[in-house]
Amino acid sequence: MPTDQLSSTFSALADPTRRAMLARLSTGEASVQELAKPFDMSLPAITKHLKVLERSGLIARSRNAQWRPCHLKAAPLKEASAWMEEYRKFWEESFDRLDDYLKEIQQKDKKHDRKK
């Protein structure tokens, strides 16, 4: 079943192991062995995580003789960031309106207290 890029990106990012792998790849290429080193899991489990990242378009693997380095592909992250940015703006504006409303209520309370 095909999914859109944004769903695929968020699905891949849902796992902390994959996020840690992406963080490592943000510093440069790494082999599967290098990516597996910090995790207490089997190589097949690491490979499954890498396949998810690869299918989502977040990483690519190249071939250099026996070495198959992985590298980060940031374009899907940019799309996810842009999508979240719209919601950040929405919530900031909502909180600003709430802040204004609370200030208005506090001013009314102060005026009411002075009249007593």
Protein backbone atom coordinates (compact mmCIF):
# COMPACT_ATOMS: atom_id res chain seq x y z
CA MET A 1 0.00 0.00 0.00
CA PRO A 2 1.67 3.26 -1.05
CA THR A 3 1.94 6.02 1.50
CA ASP A 4 2.74 9.66 1.12
CA GLN A 5 6.25 10.91 1.89
CA LEU A 6 5.22 12.76 5.05
CA SER A 7 3.58 9.67 6.57
CA SER A 8 6.59 7.57 5.66
CA THR A 9 8.93 10.11 7.27
CA PHE A 10 6.97 10.33 10.51
CA SER A 11 6.62 6.55 10.66
CA ALA A 12 10.39 6.16 10.35
CA LEU A 13 10.99 8.86 12.97
CA ALA A 14 8.62 7.18 15.43
CA ASP A 15 11.35 4.83 16.64
CA PRO A 16 14.11 6.13 18.95
CA THR A 17 16.69 3.74 17.46
CA ARG A 18 16.09 5.14 13.98
CA ARG A 19 16.23 8.71 15.30
CA ALA A 20 19.57 7.92 16.94
CA MET A 21 20.85 6.46 13.67
CA LEU A 22 19.82 9.62 11.83
CA ALA A 23 21.55 11.73 14.46
CA ARG A 24 24.73 9.75 13.93
CA LEU A 25 24.43 10.08 10.14
CA SER A 26 24.02 13.84 10.49
CA THR A 27 27.73 13.90 11.36
CA GLY A 28 28.72 11.99 8.21
CA GLU A 29 28.62 8.63 6.47
CA ALA A 30 28.76 5.46 8.53
CA SER A 31 28.87 1.74 7.91
CA VAL A 32 26.19 -0.60 9.18
CA GLN A 33 28.65 -1.84 11.81
CA GLU A 34 29.32 1.72 12.99
CA LEU A 35 25.59 2.43 13.20
CA ALA A 36 24.97 -0.81 15.09
CA LYS A 37 27.72 -0.26 17.67
CA PRO A 38 25.75 1.76 20.29
CA PHE A 39 22.76 -0.60 20.24
CA ASP A 40 22.27 -3.87 22.07
CA MET A 41 20.52 -5.65 19.22
CA SER A 42 21.28 -8.12 16.49
CA LEU A 43 22.61 -7.12 13.10
CA PRO A 44 19.37 -8.32 11.41
CA ALA A 45 17.39 -5.98 13.71
CA ILE A 46 19.71 -3.10 12.79
CA THR A 47 19.25 -3.96 9.11
CA LYS A 48 15.46 -3.81 9.52
CA HIS A 49 15.74 -0.32 10.98
CA LEU A 50 18.00 0.75 8.13
CA LYS A 51 15.55 -0.63 5.57
CA VAL A 52 12.76 1.45 7.12
CA LEU A 53 14.95 4.55 6.92
CA GLU A 54 15.93 3.73 3.36
CA ARG A 55 12.32 3.10 2.21
CA SER A 56 11.28 6.39 3.78
CA GLY A 57 13.97 8.20 1.79
CA LEU A 58 15.80 9.39 4.91
CA ILE A 59 19.01 7.51 4.14
CA ALA A 60 20.76 6.06 1.13
CA ARG A 61 23.39 3.37 0.91
CA SER A 62 26.19 3.46 -1.59
CA ARG A 63 28.75 0.87 -2.53
CA ASN A 64 32.45 1.42 -2.19
CA ALA A 65 34.12 -1.96 -2.76
CA GLN A 66 33.28 -4.03 0.35
CA TRP A 67 32.10 -0.99 2.29
CA ARG A 68 28.44 0.03 2.00
CA PRO A 69 28.25 3.39 3.75
CA CYS A 70 24.93 4.93 4.71
CA HIS A 71 24.34 8.63 4.44
CA LEU A 72 21.57 10.98 5.46
CA LYS A 73 19.14 12.36 2.91
CA ALA A 74 17.61 15.42 4.56
CA ALA A 75 14.91 16.38 2.04
CA PRO A 76 12.13 14.38 3.76
CA LEU A 77 13.09 15.98 7.08
CA LYS A 78 12.72 19.41 5.50
CA GLU A 79 9.21 18.53 4.33
CA ALA A 80 8.27 17.27 7.82
CA SER A 81 9.72 20.40 9.39
CA ALA A 82 7.72 22.63 7.04
CA TRP A 83 4.53 20.74 7.88
CA MET A 84 5.17 21.09 11.63
CA GLU A 85 6.02 24.77 11.23
CA GLU A 86 2.45 25.52 10.16
CA TYR A 87 1.16 23.96 13.35
CA ARG A 88 3.76 25.76 15.44
CA LYS A 89 2.49 29.06 14.04
CA PHE A 90 -1.10 28.03 14.80
CA TRP A 91 -0.30 27.15 18.41
CA GLU A 92 1.82 30.25 18.98
CA GLU A 93 -1.02 32.43 17.73
CA SER A 94 -3.49 30.52 19.91
CA PHE A 95 -1.29 30.95 22.98
CA ASP A 96 -0.81 34.64 22.20
CA ARG A 97 -4.60 35.08 22.05
CA LEU A 98 -4.97 33.16 25.31
CA ASP A 99 -2.27 35.33 26.92
CA ASP A 100 -4.08 38.49 25.77
CA TYR A 101 -7.36 37.16 27.14
CA LEU A 102 -5.80 36.28 30.51
CA LYS A 103 -4.25 39.75 30.77
CA GLU A 104 -7.64 41.27 30.00
CA ILE A 105 -9.30 39.20 32.74
CA GLN A 106 -6.56 40.12 35.23
CA GLN A 107 -7.05 43.81 34.47
CA LYS A 108 -10.80 43.47 34.96
CA ASP A 109 -10.19 41.68 38.29
CA LYS A 110 -7.86 44.47 39.45
CA LYS A 111 -10.45 47.12 38.53
CA HIS A 112 -13.12 45.12 40.31
CA ASP A 113 -10.93 44.78 43.44
CA ARG A 114 -10.27 48.55 43.52
CA LYS A 115 -14.00 49.29 43.48
CA LYS A 116 -14.55 47.19 46.61
